[in-house]
Amino acid sequence: MPRWYVINTRPKKESQVERLFIEGGFTIYCPKYVREKRVTSFFPGYAFLQFEFPDQFQMVKYTRGVKRVVGNDAGPTPIPTEIVEGIKSRERDGLIVFERYGQEPAVGDEIEVVEGPLKGLKGIFRKEVGDSERVMILLNYVSYQGMLLIEKDKLKKI
């Protein structure tokens, strides 16, 4: 029965290795996420591959772009299926999504800034701006009312 293992790829070869294993009929998982508006590997230089050890080990080890299969002198170290499934469960539309501070706020929700120089400020979530990485919040303090643009991942819903 095939088990999950971690393979270490040559630098920036994750996509090439993924394509080769898919073409070879293997099940491979290379988690990805959006960083600075670009899709990038969640674990640069690594991927999860399902194969039979020791039957398919040589084929995997010598696939173009593979640096090594993670393990020790006794062989590759199997990864529990729950680990891979746990990572996959954080995906939306094929990309890992970070919900760093709990539930994502919606328009009208009371929010608090949880990091950066404005940490501790509270306001009302007004709208998403542009590509939804930045949001507009309404600040309402004693003698000041104003709008603020801030990165969405620096907020939490109260």
N, C-alpha and C. Protein backbone atom coordinates (compact mmCIF):
# COMPACT_ATOMS: atom_id res chain seq x y z
N MET A 1 0.84 -1.19 0.00
CA MET A 1 0.00 0.00 0.00
C MET A 1 0.89 1.25 0.00
N PRO A 2 0.61 2.20 -0.89
CA PRO A 2 1.42 3.42 -0.93
C PRO A 2 1.26 4.25 0.34
N ARG A 3 2.35 4.85 0.76
CA ARG A 3 2.33 5.75 1.91
C ARG A 3 2.87 7.10 1.47
N TRP A 4 2.62 8.13 2.29
CA TRP A 4 3.13 9.47 2.00
C TRP A 4 4.56 9.62 2.50
N TYR A 5 5.38 10.28 1.69
CA TYR A 5 6.76 10.60 2.05
C TYR A 5 7.04 12.03 1.61
N VAL A 6 8.08 12.62 2.17
CA VAL A 6 8.48 13.97 1.78
C VAL A 6 9.69 13.86 0.87
N ILE A 7 9.61 14.55 -0.27
CA ILE A 7 10.76 14.60 -1.17
C ILE A 7 11.32 16.02 -1.15
N ASN A 8 12.63 16.10 -1.26
CA ASN A 8 13.34 17.38 -1.33
C ASN A 8 13.72 17.58 -2.79
N THR A 9 13.29 18.70 -3.37
CA THR A 9 13.57 18.97 -4.78
C THR A 9 14.74 19.94 -4.93
N ARG A 10 15.25 19.99 -6.10
CA ARG A 10 16.28 20.98 -6.40
C ARG A 10 15.62 22.37 -6.34
N PRO A 11 16.41 23.41 -6.09
CA PRO A 11 15.82 24.76 -5.97
C PRO A 11 14.96 25.15 -7.17
N LYS A 12 13.75 25.62 -6.87
CA LYS A 12 12.79 26.11 -7.86
C LYS A 12 12.37 25.06 -8.89
N LYS A 13 12.43 23.80 -8.53
CA LYS A 13 12.04 22.72 -9.44
C LYS A 13 10.78 21.99 -8.99
N GLU A 14 10.07 22.55 -8.01
CA GLU A 14 8.87 21.89 -7.49
C GLU A 14 7.85 21.62 -8.59
N SER A 15 7.61 22.58 -9.47
CA SER A 15 6.61 22.43 -10.53
C SER A 15 7.02 21.36 -11.53
N GLN A 16 8.29 21.34 -11.90
CA GLN A 16 8.80 20.34 -12.84
C GLN A 16 8.65 18.94 -12.24
N VAL A 17 9.05 18.78 -10.98
CA VAL A 17 8.95 17.48 -10.31
C VAL A 17 7.48 17.07 -10.19
N GLU A 18 6.62 18.01 -9.85
CA GLU A 18 5.19 17.72 -9.74
C GLU A 18 4.65 17.20 -11.06
N ARG A 19 4.99 17.86 -12.15
CA ARG A 19 4.51 17.46 -13.48
C ARG A 19 5.02 16.06 -13.84
N LEU A 20 6.30 15.78 -13.58
CA LEU A 20 6.87 14.47 -13.90
C LEU A 20 6.18 13.35 -13.13
N PHE A 21 5.92 13.56 -11.85
CA PHE A 21 5.27 12.52 -11.05
C PHE A 21 3.81 12.33 -11.46
N ILE A 22 3.12 13.40 -11.79
CA ILE A 22 1.73 13.28 -12.26
C ILE A 22 1.70 12.48 -13.56
N GLU A 23 2.61 12.81 -14.49
CA GLU A 23 2.69 12.07 -15.74
C GLU A 23 3.03 10.61 -15.51
N GLY A 24 3.78 10.31 -14.44
CA GLY A 24 4.15 8.94 -14.11
C GLY A 24 3.08 8.19 -13.33
N GLY A 25 1.95 8.84 -13.04
CA GLY A 25 0.85 8.18 -12.36
C GLY A 25 0.94 8.19 -10.84
N PHE A 26 1.82 9.00 -10.28
CA PHE A 26 1.97 9.10 -8.82
C PHE A 26 1.00 10.14 -8.27
N THR A 27 0.73 10.04 -6.98
CA THR A 27 -0.04 11.07 -6.28
C THR A 27 0.97 11.96 -5.56
N ILE A 28 1.00 13.23 -5.95
CA ILE A 28 1.93 14.20 -5.37
C ILE A 28 1.13 15.39 -4.87
N TYR A 29 1.60 15.98 -3.80
CA TYR A 29 0.92 17.16 -3.25
C TYR A 29 1.96 18.22 -2.93
N CYS A 30 1.86 19.34 -3.64
CA CYS A 30 2.74 20.49 -3.43
C CYS A 30 1.87 21.66 -2.98
N PRO A 31 1.72 21.87 -1.67
CA PRO A 31 0.86 22.96 -1.20
C PRO A 31 1.35 24.32 -1.69
N LYS A 32 0.39 25.16 -2.06
CA LYS A 32 0.72 26.51 -2.56
C LYS A 32 -0.15 27.54 -1.86
N TYR A 33 0.34 28.78 -1.85
CA TYR A 33 -0.43 29.89 -1.29
C TYR A 33 -0.06 31.16 -2.03
N VAL A 34 -0.81 32.22 -1.81
CA VAL A 34 -0.53 33.51 -2.46
C VAL A 34 0.30 34.36 -1.52
N ARG A 35 1.44 34.83 -2.04
CA ARG A 35 2.33 35.70 -1.28
C ARG A 35 2.72 36.86 -2.17
N GLU A 36 2.40 38.05 -1.73
CA GLU A 36 2.68 39.26 -2.50
C GLU A 36 2.15 39.14 -3.93
N LYS A 37 0.90 38.68 -4.05
CA LYS A 37 0.17 38.57 -5.31
C LYS A 37 0.72 37.50 -6.25
N ARG A 38 1.59 36.62 -5.76
CA ARG A 38 2.14 35.53 -6.59
C ARG A 38 1.86 34.20 -5.91
N VAL A 39 1.53 33.20 -6.71
CA VAL A 39 1.35 31.86 -6.17
C VAL A 39 2.73 31.26 -5.96
N THR A 40 2.99 30.79 -4.75
CA THR A 40 4.30 30.25 -4.42
C THR A 40 4.15 28.99 -3.58
N SER A 41 5.20 28.22 -3.53
CA SER A 41 5.18 26.97 -2.78
C SER A 41 5.13 27.25 -1.28
N PHE A 42 4.28 26.51 -0.57
CA PHE A 42 4.17 26.66 0.87
C PHE A 42 5.41 26.12 1.58
N PHE A 43 5.98 25.05 1.04
CA PHE A 43 7.23 24.47 1.54
C PHE A 43 8.23 24.49 0.39
N PRO A 44 8.91 25.61 0.15
CA PRO A 44 9.84 25.67 -0.99
C PRO A 44 10.87 24.54 -0.94
N GLY A 45 10.97 23.84 -2.06
CA GLY A 45 11.95 22.77 -2.16
C GLY A 45 11.46 21.43 -1.64
N TYR A 46 10.19 21.34 -1.25
CA TYR A 46 9.65 20.09 -0.70
C TYR A 46 8.28 19.80 -1.28
N ALA A 47 7.92 18.52 -1.30
CA ALA A 47 6.60 18.08 -1.73
C ALA A 47 6.28 16.77 -1.04
N PHE A 48 5.01 16.44 -0.97
CA PHE A 48 4.57 15.16 -0.42
C PHE A 48 4.29 14.23 -1.59
N LEU A 49 4.82 13.02 -1.53
CA LEU A 49 4.64 12.06 -2.60
C LEU A 49 4.19 10.73 -2.02
N GLN A 50 3.21 10.12 -2.67
CA GLN A 50 2.71 8.82 -2.23
C GLN A 50 3.31 7.75 -3.13
N PHE A 51 4.03 6.80 -2.51
CA PHE A 51 4.61 5.70 -3.29
C PHE A 51 4.84 4.48 -2.41
N GLU A 52 5.15 3.36 -3.07
CA GLU A 52 5.42 2.09 -2.38
C GLU A 52 6.91 2.01 -2.06
N PHE A 53 7.21 1.81 -0.79
CA PHE A 53 8.61 1.60 -0.40
C PHE A 53 8.75 0.12 -0.06
N PRO A 54 9.72 -0.56 -0.55
CA PRO A 54 10.89 -0.17 -1.33
C PRO A 54 10.71 -0.29 -2.84
N ASP A 55 9.55 -0.81 -3.30
CA ASP A 55 9.37 -1.10 -4.73
C ASP A 55 9.63 0.09 -5.66
N GLN A 56 9.11 1.25 -5.33
CA GLN A 56 9.22 2.41 -6.22
C GLN A 56 10.30 3.40 -5.77
N PHE A 57 11.04 3.08 -4.74
CA PHE A 57 12.00 4.01 -4.15
C PHE A 57 13.06 4.47 -5.14
N GLN A 58 13.66 3.54 -5.88
CA GLN A 58 14.72 3.92 -6.82
C GLN A 58 14.19 4.86 -7.91
N MET A 59 13.00 4.56 -8.42
CA MET A 59 12.40 5.40 -9.45
C MET A 59 12.18 6.82 -8.92
N VAL A 60 11.66 6.93 -7.69
CA VAL A 60 11.41 8.24 -7.08
C VAL A 60 12.72 8.97 -6.84
N LYS A 61 13.68 8.27 -6.27
CA LYS A 61 14.97 8.87 -5.89
C LYS A 61 15.72 9.44 -7.09
N TYR A 62 15.59 8.78 -8.24
CA TYR A 62 16.34 9.21 -9.42
C TYR A 62 15.50 9.97 -10.45
N THR A 63 14.34 10.45 -10.05
CA THR A 63 13.53 11.29 -10.93
C THR A 63 14.21 12.65 -11.06
N ARG A 64 14.23 13.17 -12.28
CA ARG A 64 14.87 14.47 -12.55
C ARG A 64 14.26 15.56 -11.65
N GLY A 65 15.11 16.29 -10.97
CA GLY A 65 14.67 17.38 -10.09
C GLY A 65 14.58 16.99 -8.63
N VAL A 66 14.60 15.69 -8.33
CA VAL A 66 14.54 15.24 -6.94
C VAL A 66 15.95 15.21 -6.37
N LYS A 67 16.13 15.89 -5.26
CA LYS A 67 17.43 15.92 -4.58
C LYS A 67 17.58 14.70 -3.68
N ARG A 68 16.52 14.43 -2.89
CA ARG A 68 16.54 13.27 -2.00
C ARG A 68 15.13 13.01 -1.47
N VAL A 69 14.96 11.83 -0.90
CA VAL A 69 13.73 11.50 -0.19
C VAL A 69 14.07 11.62 1.29
N VAL A 70 13.30 12.39 2.03
CA VAL A 70 13.61 12.68 3.43
C VAL A 70 13.47 11.41 4.26
N GLY A 71 14.52 11.12 5.03
CA GLY A 71 14.52 9.94 5.88
C GLY A 71 15.84 9.80 6.60
N ASN A 72 16.20 8.54 6.92
CA ASN A 72 17.47 8.27 7.60
C ASN A 72 18.12 7.05 6.96
N ASP A 73 19.09 6.46 7.63
CA ASP A 73 19.80 5.32 7.07
C ASP A 73 18.90 4.11 6.81
N ALA A 74 17.83 4.01 7.54
CA ALA A 74 16.90 2.88 7.38
C ALA A 74 15.97 3.07 6.19
N GLY A 75 15.93 4.26 5.61
CA GLY A 75 15.07 4.54 4.47
C GLY A 75 14.25 5.79 4.69
N PRO A 76 13.32 6.06 3.78
CA PRO A 76 12.51 7.27 3.91
C PRO A 76 11.56 7.17 5.09
N THR A 77 11.25 8.32 5.66
CA THR A 77 10.35 8.38 6.81
C THR A 77 8.92 8.60 6.32
N PRO A 78 8.02 7.66 6.59
CA PRO A 78 6.63 7.85 6.16
C PRO A 78 5.94 8.96 6.96
N ILE A 79 5.05 9.66 6.30
CA ILE A 79 4.29 10.76 6.90
C ILE A 79 2.86 10.27 7.09
N PRO A 80 2.28 10.46 8.29
CA PRO A 80 0.89 10.05 8.48
C PRO A 80 -0.05 10.78 7.51
N THR A 81 -1.02 10.08 6.99
CA THR A 81 -1.99 10.65 6.06
C THR A 81 -2.69 11.86 6.67
N GLU A 82 -2.89 11.84 8.00
CA GLU A 82 -3.58 12.94 8.67
C GLU A 82 -2.84 14.27 8.50
N ILE A 83 -1.52 14.21 8.42
CA ILE A 83 -0.72 15.44 8.24
C ILE A 83 -1.05 16.07 6.89
N VAL A 84 -1.01 15.25 5.84
CA VAL A 84 -1.29 15.74 4.49
C VAL A 84 -2.74 16.23 4.40
N GLU A 85 -3.67 15.46 4.95
CA GLU A 85 -5.08 15.85 4.91
C GLU A 85 -5.32 17.13 5.71
N GLY A 86 -4.60 17.30 6.81
CA GLY A 86 -4.73 18.53 7.61
C GLY A 86 -4.29 19.76 6.85
N ILE A 87 -3.23 19.62 6.08
CA ILE A 87 -2.77 20.76 5.25
C ILE A 87 -3.77 21.02 4.14
N LYS A 88 -4.24 19.96 3.48
CA LYS A 88 -5.23 20.12 2.41
C LYS A 88 -6.52 20.77 2.90
N SER A 89 -6.88 20.50 4.15
CA SER A 89 -8.14 21.05 4.68
C SER A 89 -8.10 22.57 4.82
N ARG A 90 -6.91 23.15 4.79
CA ARG A 90 -6.78 24.61 4.91
C ARG A 90 -6.83 25.30 3.55
N GLU A 91 -7.07 24.54 2.49
CA GLU A 91 -7.09 25.09 1.14
C GLU A 91 -8.48 25.59 0.75
N ARG A 92 -8.46 26.63 -0.05
CA ARG A 92 -9.65 27.11 -0.75
C ARG A 92 -9.23 27.38 -2.17
N ASP A 93 -9.91 26.78 -3.12
CA ASP A 93 -9.59 26.93 -4.54
C ASP A 93 -8.15 26.52 -4.84
N GLY A 94 -7.67 25.47 -4.18
CA GLY A 94 -6.33 24.95 -4.46
C GLY A 94 -5.19 25.71 -3.79
N LEU A 95 -5.49 26.72 -2.99
CA LEU A 95 -4.45 27.50 -2.31
C LEU A 95 -4.71 27.52 -0.81
N ILE A 96 -3.64 27.43 -0.03
CA ILE A 96 -3.76 27.49 1.42
C ILE A 96 -4.17 28.89 1.82
N VAL A 97 -5.14 28.97 2.71
CA VAL A 97 -5.66 30.25 3.17
C VAL A 97 -5.31 30.40 4.65
N PHE A 98 -4.80 31.57 4.99
CA PHE A 98 -4.46 31.86 6.38
C PHE A 98 -5.59 32.64 7.03
N GLU A 99 -6.14 32.10 8.08
CA GLU A 99 -7.09 32.85 8.90
C GLU A 99 -6.40 33.00 10.23
N ARG A 100 -5.53 33.98 10.31
CA ARG A 100 -4.62 34.10 11.43
C ARG A 100 -5.27 34.46 12.74
N TYR A 101 -6.33 35.21 12.68
CA TYR A 101 -6.92 35.70 13.93
C TYR A 101 -8.39 35.34 14.02
N GLY A 102 -8.71 34.11 13.71
CA GLY A 102 -10.08 33.65 13.83
C GLY A 102 -10.89 33.91 12.58
N GLN A 103 -12.18 34.07 12.77
CA GLN A 103 -13.12 34.22 11.68
C GLN A 103 -12.85 35.51 10.90
N GLU A 104 -13.00 35.43 9.58
CA GLU A 104 -12.77 36.59 8.73
C GLU A 104 -13.92 37.59 8.91
N PRO A 105 -13.59 38.89 9.09
CA PRO A 105 -14.66 39.87 9.29
C PRO A 105 -15.45 40.15 8.02
N ALA A 106 -16.70 40.54 8.20
CA ALA A 106 -17.57 40.94 7.09
C ALA A 106 -17.93 42.41 7.28
N VAL A 107 -18.49 43.01 6.24
CA VAL A 107 -18.89 44.41 6.29
C VAL A 107 -19.81 44.65 7.47
N GLY A 108 -19.47 45.68 8.27
CA GLY A 108 -20.27 46.03 9.44
C GLY A 108 -19.78 45.42 10.74
N ASP A 109 -18.89 44.45 10.67
CA ASP A 109 -18.37 43.82 11.89
C ASP A 109 -17.43 44.76 12.63
N GLU A 110 -17.45 44.66 13.95
CA GLU A 110 -16.50 45.40 14.77
C GLU A 110 -15.18 44.64 14.72
N ILE A 111 -14.07 45.35 14.50
CA ILE A 111 -12.77 44.71 14.37
C ILE A 111 -11.74 45.39 15.27
N GLU A 112 -10.61 44.71 15.42
CA GLU A 112 -9.48 45.27 16.16
C GLU A 112 -8.22 44.99 15.37
N VAL A 113 -7.33 45.98 15.30
CA VAL A 113 -6.03 45.80 14.65
C VAL A 113 -5.15 45.03 15.63
N VAL A 114 -4.57 43.91 15.18
CA VAL A 114 -3.83 43.04 16.10
C VAL A 114 -2.33 43.03 15.88
N GLU A 115 -1.84 43.75 14.88
CA GLU A 115 -0.39 43.86 14.72
C GLU A 115 -0.02 45.14 14.00
N GLY A 116 1.21 45.53 14.14
CA GLY A 116 1.69 46.76 13.52
C GLY A 116 1.58 47.95 14.44
N PRO A 117 1.91 49.14 13.94
CA PRO A 117 1.92 50.34 14.78
C PRO A 117 0.53 50.77 15.25
N LEU A 118 -0.52 50.28 14.61
CA LEU A 118 -1.88 50.65 15.00
C LEU A 118 -2.54 49.60 15.88
N LYS A 119 -1.74 48.68 16.40
CA LYS A 119 -2.25 47.60 17.24
C LYS A 119 -3.13 48.15 18.36
N GLY A 120 -4.28 47.52 18.56
CA GLY A 120 -5.19 47.93 19.62
C GLY A 120 -6.32 48.83 19.16
N LEU A 121 -6.17 49.48 18.00
CA LEU A 121 -7.26 50.34 17.50
C LEU A 121 -8.46 49.48 17.14
N LYS A 122 -9.63 50.01 17.44
CA LYS A 122 -10.87 49.30 17.12
C LYS A 122 -11.65 50.14 16.13
N GLY A 123 -12.45 49.47 15.33
CA GLY A 123 -13.25 50.18 14.34
C GLY A 123 -14.30 49.27 13.76
N ILE A 124 -14.88 49.72 12.66
CA ILE A 124 -15.92 48.98 11.94
C ILE A 124 -15.39 48.63 10.56
N PHE A 125 -15.51 47.37 10.18
CA PHE A 125 -15.09 46.91 8.86
C PHE A 125 -16.02 47.51 7.81
N ARG A 126 -15.47 48.30 6.88
CA ARG A 126 -16.30 48.99 5.87
C ARG A 126 -16.36 48.23 4.55
N LYS A 127 -15.19 47.94 3.95
CA LYS A 127 -15.19 47.24 2.65
C LYS A 127 -13.80 46.76 2.30
N GLU A 128 -13.76 45.80 1.37
CA GLU A 128 -12.49 45.34 0.83
C GLU A 128 -12.10 46.27 -0.30
N VAL A 129 -10.81 46.49 -0.45
CA VAL A 129 -10.32 47.40 -1.46
C VAL A 129 -9.41 46.64 -2.41
N GLY A 130 -9.66 46.77 -3.70
CA GLY A 130 -8.79 46.14 -4.70
C GLY A 130 -8.86 44.63 -4.66
N ASP A 131 -7.73 43.98 -4.49
CA ASP A 131 -7.64 42.53 -4.58
C ASP A 131 -7.96 41.83 -3.27
N SER A 132 -8.63 42.48 -2.35
CA SER A 132 -9.09 41.96 -1.06
C SER A 132 -7.98 41.65 -0.07
N GLU A 133 -6.77 42.10 -0.34
CA GLU A 133 -5.72 41.98 0.66
C GLU A 133 -5.74 43.18 1.59
N ARG A 134 -6.31 44.29 1.10
CA ARG A 134 -6.41 45.50 1.91
C ARG A 134 -7.89 45.80 2.13
N VAL A 135 -8.16 46.39 3.28
CA VAL A 135 -9.54 46.71 3.63
C VAL A 135 -9.63 48.13 4.17
N MET A 136 -10.85 48.66 4.17
CA MET A 136 -11.08 49.99 4.73
C MET A 136 -11.87 49.81 6.02
N ILE A 137 -11.40 50.46 7.07
CA ILE A 137 -12.13 50.42 8.34
C ILE A 137 -12.45 51.83 8.78
N LEU A 138 -13.52 51.96 9.52
CA LEU A 138 -13.96 53.25 10.05
C LEU A 138 -13.53 53.32 11.50
N LEU A 139 -12.71 54.33 11.81
CA LEU A 139 -12.28 54.56 13.18
C LEU A 139 -13.18 55.63 13.77
N ASN A 140 -13.61 55.43 15.00
CA ASN A 140 -14.51 56.38 15.63
C ASN A 140 -14.08 56.57 17.07
N TYR A 141 -13.36 57.65 17.33
CA TYR A 141 -12.88 57.94 18.67
C TYR A 141 -13.43 59.27 19.13
N VAL A 142 -13.16 59.61 20.38
CA VAL A 142 -13.75 60.76 21.04
C VAL A 142 -13.98 61.96 20.12
N SER A 143 -12.94 62.53 19.57
CA SER A 143 -13.14 63.70 18.72
C SER A 143 -12.61 63.46 17.31
N TYR A 144 -12.50 62.19 16.93
CA TYR A 144 -11.94 61.88 15.62
C TYR A 144 -12.72 60.76 14.97
N GLN A 145 -13.08 60.97 13.73
CA GLN A 145 -13.68 59.90 12.95
C GLN A 145 -12.97 59.90 11.61
N GLY A 146 -12.46 58.75 11.21
CA GLY A 146 -11.73 58.70 9.96
C GLY A 146 -11.69 57.30 9.38
N MET A 147 -11.27 57.24 8.13
CA MET A 147 -11.13 55.96 7.42
C MET A 147 -9.66 55.59 7.40
N LEU A 148 -9.41 54.29 7.38
CA LEU A 148 -8.05 53.79 7.37
C LEU A 148 -7.97 52.60 6.43
N LEU A 149 -6.96 52.58 5.56
CA LEU A 149 -6.68 51.42 4.72
C LEU A 149 -5.63 50.59 5.43
N ILE A 150 -5.85 49.27 5.53
CA ILE A 150 -4.93 48.41 6.24
C ILE A 150 -4.99 47.01 5.65
N GLU A 151 -3.92 46.23 5.83
CA GLU A 151 -3.90 44.86 5.34
C GLU A 151 -4.90 44.03 6.12
N LYS A 152 -5.66 43.22 5.41
CA LYS A 152 -6.73 42.43 6.01
C LYS A 152 -6.20 41.44 7.04
N ASP A 153 -4.99 40.91 6.82
CA ASP A 153 -4.48 39.89 7.74
C ASP A 153 -4.00 40.46 9.06
N LYS A 154 -4.12 41.79 9.25
CA LYS A 154 -3.73 42.40 10.52
C LYS A 154 -4.94 42.71 11.40
N LEU A 155 -6.11 42.19 11.01
CA LEU A 155 -7.34 42.46 11.75
C LEU A 155 -7.90 41.19 12.35
N LYS A 156 -8.70 41.36 13.40
CA LYS A 156 -9.49 40.25 13.90
C LYS A 156 -10.88 40.77 14.20
N LYS A 157 -11.84 39.90 14.02
CA LYS A 157 -13.23 40.23 14.33
C LYS A 157 -13.41 40.15 15.84
N ILE A 158 -14.10 41.15 16.38
CA ILE A 158 -14.34 41.15 17.83
C ILE A 158 -15.66 40.47 18.12
